[in-house]
């Protein structure tokens, strides 16, 4: 038995083993006290209390920035730049303090001051600060996250603009041939800009008519592939580019550019081509939209054509249906048709009600006629 009685001391004591380690307690007057002490000791062994630890806030921020830079394949350069800009503001406020010295009130005052810029800016600061402290807790450098309990500011959400397919075609027609191929590839695969920029010839299977796109948008930044089957138009575009390709270049779309450090000319894939859409939209006189809107446009079009939701989700490369639902939008034409159907249903109900009411009045009138 783990609890035993000593006739010599006339008291009770517990004894048990965990991983070949022997644990005993002090002498107790009753058996119940010994059992309670044993249960408490087992609980302490099973769930040891965290040792209070702390670190300099500046050190924690720098380690978080180093972590982001180490995983630069997963995190975009913009993500790192955003973190760095906010970190500079944090250090101005809390330089020289340890993490335990930064209180919830101090962070809340900082977030409130950022709300003077905008509620979105304040919420973003809070999200990133929370991530920094969570990063430290996950690695057991600190034990408390002072951002817990601080609420986000309410924001005004707007309806996302999705360009009609007619405007998309106008933009394509105004582009140069190389950019036309780029836009058509993006539209017909519904791929992300980064996926199309990093597309290489090894990812294209002309025999199976498939294009393999890779994304790191999933959890932990793993590189996940998906296959999108080529339409006839996309097959013709990529076949033509394949015949005219530079065999030394593995990318489907690439350019030559000067490096910012040395000024030398290099060849490589595109990283960002946002200026193209601004120029083309202004040129043809349509409302400005970016590359990502083409994914929304394609998903919406497929949905209104009756394509099953699971297929749209697979084409877009989403892990969850709820994400795909964000990309499906009601079009003006579909909304107009729905409201016409609704109006017709209301009109039919009004007519039935009017006819029934008229008949009831007629029957009543005939009953009173001598």
Protein backbone atom coordinates (compact mmCIF):
# COMPACT_ATOMS: atom_id res chain seq x y z
CA UNK A 1 0.00 0.00 0.00
CA UNK A 2 1.20 3.56 -0.76
CA UNK A 3 -0.10 4.82 2.59
CA UNK A 4 1.13 2.97 5.69
CA UNK A 5 1.03 3.26 9.50
CA UNK A 6 4.09 3.26 11.78
CA UNK A 7 3.46 1.58 15.12
CA UNK A 8 6.67 3.09 16.47
CA UNK A 9 5.75 6.70 15.59
CA UNK A 10 2.02 6.08 15.70
CA UNK A 11 1.55 8.20 12.58
CA UNK A 12 0.69 7.76 8.90
CA UNK A 13 2.95 8.30 5.87
CA UNK A 14 2.75 7.85 2.09
CA UNK A 15 5.29 6.30 -0.27
CA UNK A 16 5.11 5.79 -4.06
CA UNK A 17 7.39 5.49 -7.11
CA UNK A 18 7.34 7.41 -10.40
CA UNK A 19 9.86 6.44 -13.10
CA UNK A 20 11.82 4.49 -10.47
CA UNK A 21 12.04 7.60 -8.28
CA UNK A 22 10.86 7.17 -4.68
CA UNK A 23 8.65 9.82 -3.11
CA UNK A 24 7.72 9.93 0.59
CA UNK A 25 5.94 12.48 2.71
CA UNK A 26 6.09 13.78 6.22
CA UNK A 27 4.29 11.97 9.02
CA UNK A 28 0.56 12.66 9.34
CA UNK A 29 -1.74 12.14 12.27
CA UNK A 30 -4.48 10.41 10.29
CA UNK A 31 -4.73 8.15 7.25
CA UNK A 32 -6.93 10.69 5.49
CA UNK A 33 -4.31 13.42 5.85
CA UNK A 34 -1.65 11.08 4.42
CA UNK A 35 -3.81 10.24 1.41
CA UNK A 36 -4.54 13.92 0.77
CA UNK A 37 -0.83 14.76 0.99
CA UNK A 38 -0.04 11.88 -1.39
CA UNK A 39 -2.62 13.06 -3.94
CA UNK A 40 -1.28 16.62 -3.77
CA UNK A 41 2.30 15.44 -4.29
CA UNK A 42 1.32 13.30 -7.28
CA UNK A 43 -0.47 16.28 -8.79
CA UNK A 44 2.66 18.44 -8.39
CA UNK A 45 4.78 15.78 -10.10
CA UNK A 46 2.32 15.33 -12.95
CA UNK A 47 1.78 19.07 -13.48
CA UNK A 48 4.93 20.87 -12.31
CA UNK A 49 4.61 24.59 -11.72
CA UNK A 50 6.37 26.78 -14.27
CA UNK A 51 9.49 28.42 -12.94
CA UNK A 52 9.05 32.21 -13.15
CA UNK A 53 11.31 33.43 -15.93
CA UNK A 54 11.76 36.72 -17.73
CA UNK A 55 13.79 38.38 -20.47
CA UNK A 56 14.49 41.83 -21.88
CA UNK A 57 11.71 43.03 -24.19
CA UNK A 58 14.20 44.28 -26.79
CA UNK A 59 15.82 40.84 -26.86
CA UNK A 60 12.44 39.17 -27.37
CA UNK A 61 11.54 41.49 -30.26
CA UNK A 62 14.90 40.89 -31.95
CA UNK A 63 14.50 37.14 -31.63
CA UNK A 64 11.05 37.35 -33.18
CA UNK A 65 12.41 39.40 -36.10
CA UNK A 66 15.22 36.88 -36.58
CA UNK A 67 12.63 34.10 -36.61
CA UNK A 68 10.61 35.86 -39.33
CA UNK A 69 13.73 36.43 -41.42
CA UNK A 70 14.75 32.78 -41.01
CA UNK A 71 11.39 31.72 -42.40
CA UNK A 72 11.42 34.35 -45.16
CA UNK A 73 10.21 31.72 -47.65
CA UNK A 74 6.96 31.52 -45.71
CA UNK A 75 6.72 35.13 -44.53
CA UNK A 76 6.70 37.80 -47.20
CA UNK A 77 9.12 40.71 -47.17
CA UNK A 78 6.17 43.02 -46.47
CA UNK A 79 5.36 40.99 -43.37
CA UNK A 80 8.89 41.47 -42.04
CA UNK A 81 8.87 45.19 -42.90
CA UNK A 82 5.56 45.66 -41.07
CA UNK A 83 6.94 43.94 -37.99
CA UNK A 84 10.12 46.03 -38.08
CA UNK A 85 8.18 49.31 -38.33
CA UNK A 86 5.99 48.45 -35.36
CA UNK A 87 8.95 47.11 -33.36
CA UNK A 88 10.67 50.49 -33.62
CA UNK A 89 7.63 52.15 -32.05
CA UNK A 90 7.48 49.55 -29.27
CA UNK A 91 11.14 50.00 -28.38
CA UNK A 92 10.69 53.78 -28.09
CA UNK A 93 8.03 53.14 -25.44
CA UNK A 94 9.53 50.18 -23.58
CA UNK A 95 13.27 50.14 -24.17
CA UNK A 96 15.15 48.91 -21.10
CA UNK A 97 12.15 47.08 -19.65
CA UNK A 98 11.79 43.38 -19.16
CA UNK A 99 8.70 41.60 -20.47
CA UNK A 100 7.26 41.23 -16.96
CA UNK A 101 7.52 45.01 -16.43
CA UNK A 102 5.29 45.72 -19.43
CA UNK A 103 1.73 45.74 -18.10
CA UNK A 104 -1.61 45.33 -19.80
CA UNK A 105 -2.41 49.00 -19.08
CA UNK A 106 0.78 50.12 -20.83
CA UNK A 107 -0.06 48.12 -23.94
CA UNK A 108 -3.66 49.30 -23.90
CA UNK A 109 -2.52 52.94 -23.79
CA UNK A 110 -0.22 52.28 -26.75
CA UNK A 111 -3.04 50.67 -28.74
CA UNK A 112 -5.37 53.58 -27.93
CA UNK A 113 -2.76 56.05 -29.16
CA UNK A 114 -2.47 54.06 -32.41
CA UNK A 115 -6.23 54.29 -32.85
CA UNK A 116 -5.68 57.97 -33.57
CA UNK A 117 -4.20 56.85 -36.90
CA UNK A 118 -6.99 54.35 -37.55
CA UNK A 119 -8.73 51.46 -35.84
CA UNK A 120 -7.14 49.10 -38.34
CA UNK A 121 -3.66 50.34 -37.40
CA UNK A 122 -4.42 49.87 -33.70
CA UNK A 123 -5.75 46.35 -34.24
CA UNK A 124 -2.73 45.42 -36.33
CA UNK A 125 -0.37 46.62 -33.60
CA UNK A 126 -2.24 44.54 -31.05
CA UNK A 127 -2.17 41.43 -33.25
CA UNK A 128 1.57 41.68 -33.80
CA UNK A 129 2.32 42.45 -30.15
CA UNK A 130 0.27 39.46 -29.07
CA UNK A 131 2.21 37.29 -31.52
CA UNK A 132 5.54 38.50 -30.07
CA UNK A 133 4.59 37.58 -26.50
CA UNK A 134 3.07 34.27 -27.61
CA UNK A 135 6.35 33.55 -29.39
CA UNK A 136 8.21 34.05 -26.11
CA UNK A 137 5.75 31.92 -24.12
CA UNK A 138 5.90 29.09 -26.65
CA UNK A 139 9.67 28.91 -26.18
CA UNK A 140 9.32 29.19 -22.39
CA UNK A 141 11.28 32.44 -22.20
CA UNK A 142 8.38 34.22 -20.49
CA UNK A 143 5.26 33.08 -18.66
CA UNK A 144 2.77 35.94 -19.14
CA UNK A 145 1.25 37.62 -22.19
CA UNK A 146 0.14 41.12 -21.11
CA UNK A 147 -1.96 41.59 -24.27
CA UNK A 148 -4.59 39.11 -23.07
CA UNK A 149 -7.87 40.78 -22.23
CA UNK A 150 -7.38 43.80 -24.53
CA UNK A 151 -10.21 43.98 -27.04
CA UNK A 152 -9.95 44.97 -30.68
CA UNK A 153 -11.50 48.18 -32.00
CA UNK A 154 -14.57 47.82 -34.21
CA UNK A 155 -13.82 48.34 -37.89
CA UNK A 156 -16.01 49.24 -40.82
CA UNK A 157 -15.95 46.42 -43.34
CA UNK A 158 -16.61 47.21 -46.96
CA UNK A 159 -17.91 45.14 -49.82
CA UNK A 160 -14.95 43.79 -51.76
CA UNK A 161 -14.86 44.99 -55.35
CA UNK A 162 -14.82 42.14 -57.86
CA UNK A 163 -14.27 43.27 -61.45
CA UNK A 164 -16.75 42.02 -64.04
CA UNK A 165 -15.27 39.73 -66.65
CA UNK A 166 -15.84 42.43 -69.30
CA UNK A 167 -13.44 44.79 -67.47
CA UNK A 168 -10.89 42.01 -67.08
CA UNK A 169 -10.95 41.37 -70.85
CA UNK A 170 -10.51 45.09 -71.53
CA UNK A 171 -7.41 45.16 -69.34
CA UNK A 172 -5.93 42.11 -71.05
CA UNK A 173 -6.50 43.54 -74.51
CA UNK A 174 -4.57 46.72 -73.56
CA UNK A 175 -1.49 44.81 -72.31
CA UNK A 176 1.62 43.85 -74.26
CA UNK A 177 1.86 40.21 -75.48
CA UNK A 178 4.04 38.98 -72.60
CA UNK A 179 1.77 40.57 -70.00
CA UNK A 180 -1.28 39.14 -71.78
CA UNK A 181 0.17 35.64 -71.37
CA UNK A 182 0.86 36.38 -67.70
CA UNK A 183 -2.69 37.61 -67.03
CA UNK A 184 -4.32 34.76 -68.94
CA UNK A 185 -2.26 32.23 -66.98
CA UNK A 186 -3.34 33.85 -63.73
CA UNK A 187 -7.01 33.96 -64.74
CA UNK A 188 -7.21 30.44 -66.19
CA UNK A 189 -5.47 28.84 -63.20
CA UNK A 190 -6.88 31.25 -60.58
CA UNK A 191 -3.41 31.12 -59.04
CA UNK A 192 -1.93 33.59 -56.62
CA UNK A 193 0.59 36.12 -57.93
CA UNK A 194 3.45 34.41 -56.07
CA UNK A 195 2.43 31.03 -57.51
CA UNK A 196 2.48 32.32 -61.08
CA UNK A 197 5.73 34.22 -60.53
CA UNK A 198 7.46 31.05 -59.26
CA UNK A 199 5.97 28.78 -61.93
CA UNK A 200 8.70 26.77 -63.67
CA UNK A 201 8.56 24.52 -66.73
CA UNK A 202 8.97 21.40 -64.61
CA UNK A 203 5.59 22.21 -63.04
CA UNK A 204 3.80 21.95 -66.40
CA UNK A 205 2.74 18.55 -67.73
CA UNK A 206 1.61 18.99 -71.33
CA UNK A 207 0.76 15.29 -71.69
CA UNK A 208 -1.63 15.32 -68.72
CA UNK A 209 -2.69 18.96 -69.39
CA UNK A 210 -1.93 19.91 -65.80
CA UNK A 211 -0.21 22.84 -64.08
CA UNK A 212 1.18 22.26 -60.58
CA UNK A 213 1.02 25.31 -58.36
CA UNK A 214 2.75 25.50 -54.99
CA UNK A 215 1.66 27.56 -52.02
CA UNK A 216 3.06 28.25 -48.55
CA UNK A 217 -0.18 29.78 -47.26
CA UNK A 218 -0.89 26.70 -45.17
CA UNK A 219 -0.03 26.31 -41.49
CA UNK A 220 3.69 26.13 -40.63
CA UNK A 221 4.61 27.31 -44.13
CA UNK A 222 4.86 23.87 -45.72
CA UNK A 223 5.10 23.95 -49.52
CA UNK A 224 1.85 22.34 -50.66
CA UNK A 225 1.18 21.46 -54.33
CA UNK A 226 -2.11 21.34 -56.22
CA UNK A 227 -2.81 20.53 -59.85
CA UNK A 228 -5.00 22.76 -62.03
CA UNK A 229 -5.97 21.33 -65.39
CA UNK A 230 -5.29 23.47 -68.44
CA UNK A 231 -8.02 24.85 -70.67
CA UNK A 232 -7.40 24.87 -74.42
CA UNK A 233 -6.50 28.57 -74.33
CA UNK A 234 -3.99 28.07 -71.52
CA UNK A 235 -2.53 24.99 -73.24
CA UNK A 236 -1.95 27.01 -76.42
CA UNK A 237 -0.36 29.92 -74.51
CA UNK A 238 2.04 27.76 -72.51
CA UNK A 239 2.89 25.56 -75.51
CA UNK A 240 3.85 28.62 -77.54
CA UNK A 241 5.97 30.02 -74.68
CA UNK A 242 7.62 26.63 -74.21
CA UNK A 243 8.71 26.51 -77.86
CA UNK A 244 10.15 30.04 -77.63
CA UNK A 245 11.71 29.65 -74.15
CA UNK A 246 15.29 30.31 -73.15
CA UNK A 247 16.44 26.86 -72.03
CA UNK A 248 18.76 28.40 -69.44
CA UNK A 249 15.78 29.95 -67.64
CA UNK A 250 13.60 27.55 -65.62
CA UNK A 251 10.79 30.06 -65.06
CA UNK A 252 7.76 30.50 -67.29
CA UNK A 253 7.75 34.25 -66.60
CA UNK A 254 11.01 36.05 -65.83
CA UNK A 255 12.80 39.35 -66.40
CA UNK A 256 16.19 41.01 -66.18
CA UNK A 257 16.72 43.56 -63.42
CA UNK A 258 19.44 45.51 -61.65
CA UNK A 259 20.29 44.46 -58.13
CA UNK A 260 19.95 47.18 -55.52
CA UNK A 261 23.22 46.24 -53.77
CA UNK A 262 25.69 45.94 -56.65
CA UNK A 263 23.79 47.42 -59.59
CA UNK A 264 24.58 44.36 -61.71
CA UNK A 265 22.07 42.94 -64.17
CA UNK A 266 20.50 39.63 -63.18
CA UNK A 267 17.74 37.38 -64.48
CA UNK A 268 15.04 35.91 -62.28
CA UNK A 269 11.33 35.56 -61.61
CA UNK A 270 9.06 38.50 -60.92
CA UNK A 271 8.38 39.42 -57.30
CA UNK A 272 5.81 42.18 -57.59
CA UNK A 273 4.06 43.59 -60.66
CA UNK A 274 1.40 45.78 -59.06
CA UNK A 275 2.20 48.81 -61.22
CA UNK A 276 0.98 46.95 -64.31
CA UNK A 277 -2.63 46.78 -63.11
CA UNK A 278 -2.69 50.44 -62.11
CA UNK A 279 -1.44 51.46 -65.56
CA UNK A 280 -3.73 49.14 -67.52
CA UNK A 281 -6.89 49.98 -65.55
CA UNK A 282 -6.27 53.68 -66.02
CA UNK A 283 -5.51 53.15 -69.71
CA UNK A 284 -8.84 51.44 -70.51
CA UNK A 285 -10.87 53.53 -68.03
CA UNK A 286 -12.09 50.82 -65.65
CA UNK A 287 -12.14 50.77 -61.86
CA UNK A 288 -8.76 49.76 -60.45
CA UNK A 289 -8.34 46.17 -59.29
CA UNK A 290 -5.32 44.07 -58.41
CA UNK A 291 -4.15 40.58 -59.35
CA UNK A 292 -5.81 38.92 -56.37
CA UNK A 293 -9.21 40.17 -57.52
CA UNK A 294 -8.89 37.82 -60.50
CA UNK A 295 -9.18 34.86 -58.10
CA UNK A 296 -12.40 36.34 -56.72
CA UNK A 297 -13.67 36.98 -60.23
CA UNK A 298 -12.96 33.41 -61.35
CA UNK A 299 -14.45 31.81 -58.24
CA UNK A 300 -17.60 33.92 -58.54
CA UNK A 301 -18.00 33.04 -62.21
CA UNK A 302 -17.58 29.31 -61.52
CA UNK A 303 -20.12 29.47 -58.70
CA UNK A 304 -22.77 31.13 -60.87
CA UNK A 305 -22.09 28.56 -63.59
CA UNK A 306 -23.10 25.87 -61.12
CA UNK A 307 -19.66 24.38 -60.45
CA UNK A 308 -19.71 22.41 -57.14
CA UNK A 309 -18.24 24.30 -54.20
CA UNK A 310 -15.73 21.53 -53.44
CA UNK A 311 -14.28 21.85 -56.95
CA UNK A 312 -13.89 25.62 -56.60
CA UNK A 313 -12.17 25.08 -53.25
CA UNK A 314 -9.73 22.60 -54.83
CA UNK A 315 -8.91 24.95 -57.72
CA UNK A 316 -8.24 27.88 -55.38
CA UNK A 317 -6.15 25.69 -53.08
CA UNK A 318 -8.05 26.42 -49.88
CA UNK A 319 -7.87 24.08 -46.90
CA UNK A 320 -11.26 25.16 -45.56
CA UNK A 321 -14.60 25.78 -47.23
CA UNK A 322 -15.10 28.92 -45.13
CA UNK A 323 -12.14 30.53 -46.93
CA UNK A 324 -13.63 29.73 -50.34
CA UNK A 325 -16.92 31.32 -49.29
CA UNK A 326 -15.08 34.64 -49.00
CA UNK A 327 -14.16 34.42 -52.69
CA UNK A 328 -17.69 33.84 -54.00
CA UNK A 329 -19.59 37.10 -54.48
CA UNK A 330 -23.03 37.91 -55.84
CA UNK A 331 -22.86 39.60 -59.23
CA UNK A 332 -25.06 42.53 -60.18
CA UNK A 333 -26.79 40.42 -62.83
CA UNK A 334 -27.43 37.54 -60.45
CA UNK A 335 -28.67 39.92 -57.74
CA UNK A 336 -30.94 41.67 -60.23
CA UNK A 337 -32.39 38.35 -61.41
CA UNK A 338 -32.93 37.28 -57.79
CA UNK A 339 -34.77 40.51 -56.98
CA UNK A 340 -36.92 40.13 -60.13
CA UNK A 341 -37.87 36.62 -58.99
CA UNK A 342 -38.60 37.97 -55.54
CA UNK A 343 -40.74 40.79 -56.98
CA UNK A 344 -42.69 38.34 -59.14
CA UNK A 345 -43.36 36.15 -56.11
CA UNK A 346 -44.61 39.17 -54.12
CA UNK A 347 -46.82 40.27 -57.04
CA UNK A 348 -48.32 36.77 -57.33
CA UNK A 349 -49.05 36.73 -53.59
CA UNK A 350 -50.71 40.16 -53.82
CA UNK A 351 -52.87 39.01 -56.75
CA UNK A 352 -53.97 35.86 -54.90
CA UNK A 353 -54.82 37.89 -51.81
CA UNK A 354 -56.76 40.49 -53.88
CA UNK A 355 -58.72 37.83 -55.78
CA UNK A 356 -59.62 35.94 -52.61
CA UNK A 357 -60.69 39.14 -50.88
CA UNK A 358 -62.83 40.12 -53.92
CA UNK A 359 -64.48 36.71 -54.06
CA UNK A 360 -65.24 36.81 -50.36
CA UNK A 361 -66.87 40.24 -50.76
CA UNK A 362 -68.86 39.03 -53.78
CA UNK A 363 -70.20 36.00 -51.94
CA UNK A 364 -71.19 38.14 -49.00
CA UNK A 365 -72.94 40.62 -51.31
CA UNK A 366 -74.87 37.86 -53.11
CA UNK A 367 -76.03 36.47 -49.79
CA UNK A 368 -77.60 39.84 -48.89
CA UNK A 369 -79.33 40.31 -52.22
CA UNK A 370 -83.08 39.45 -52.00
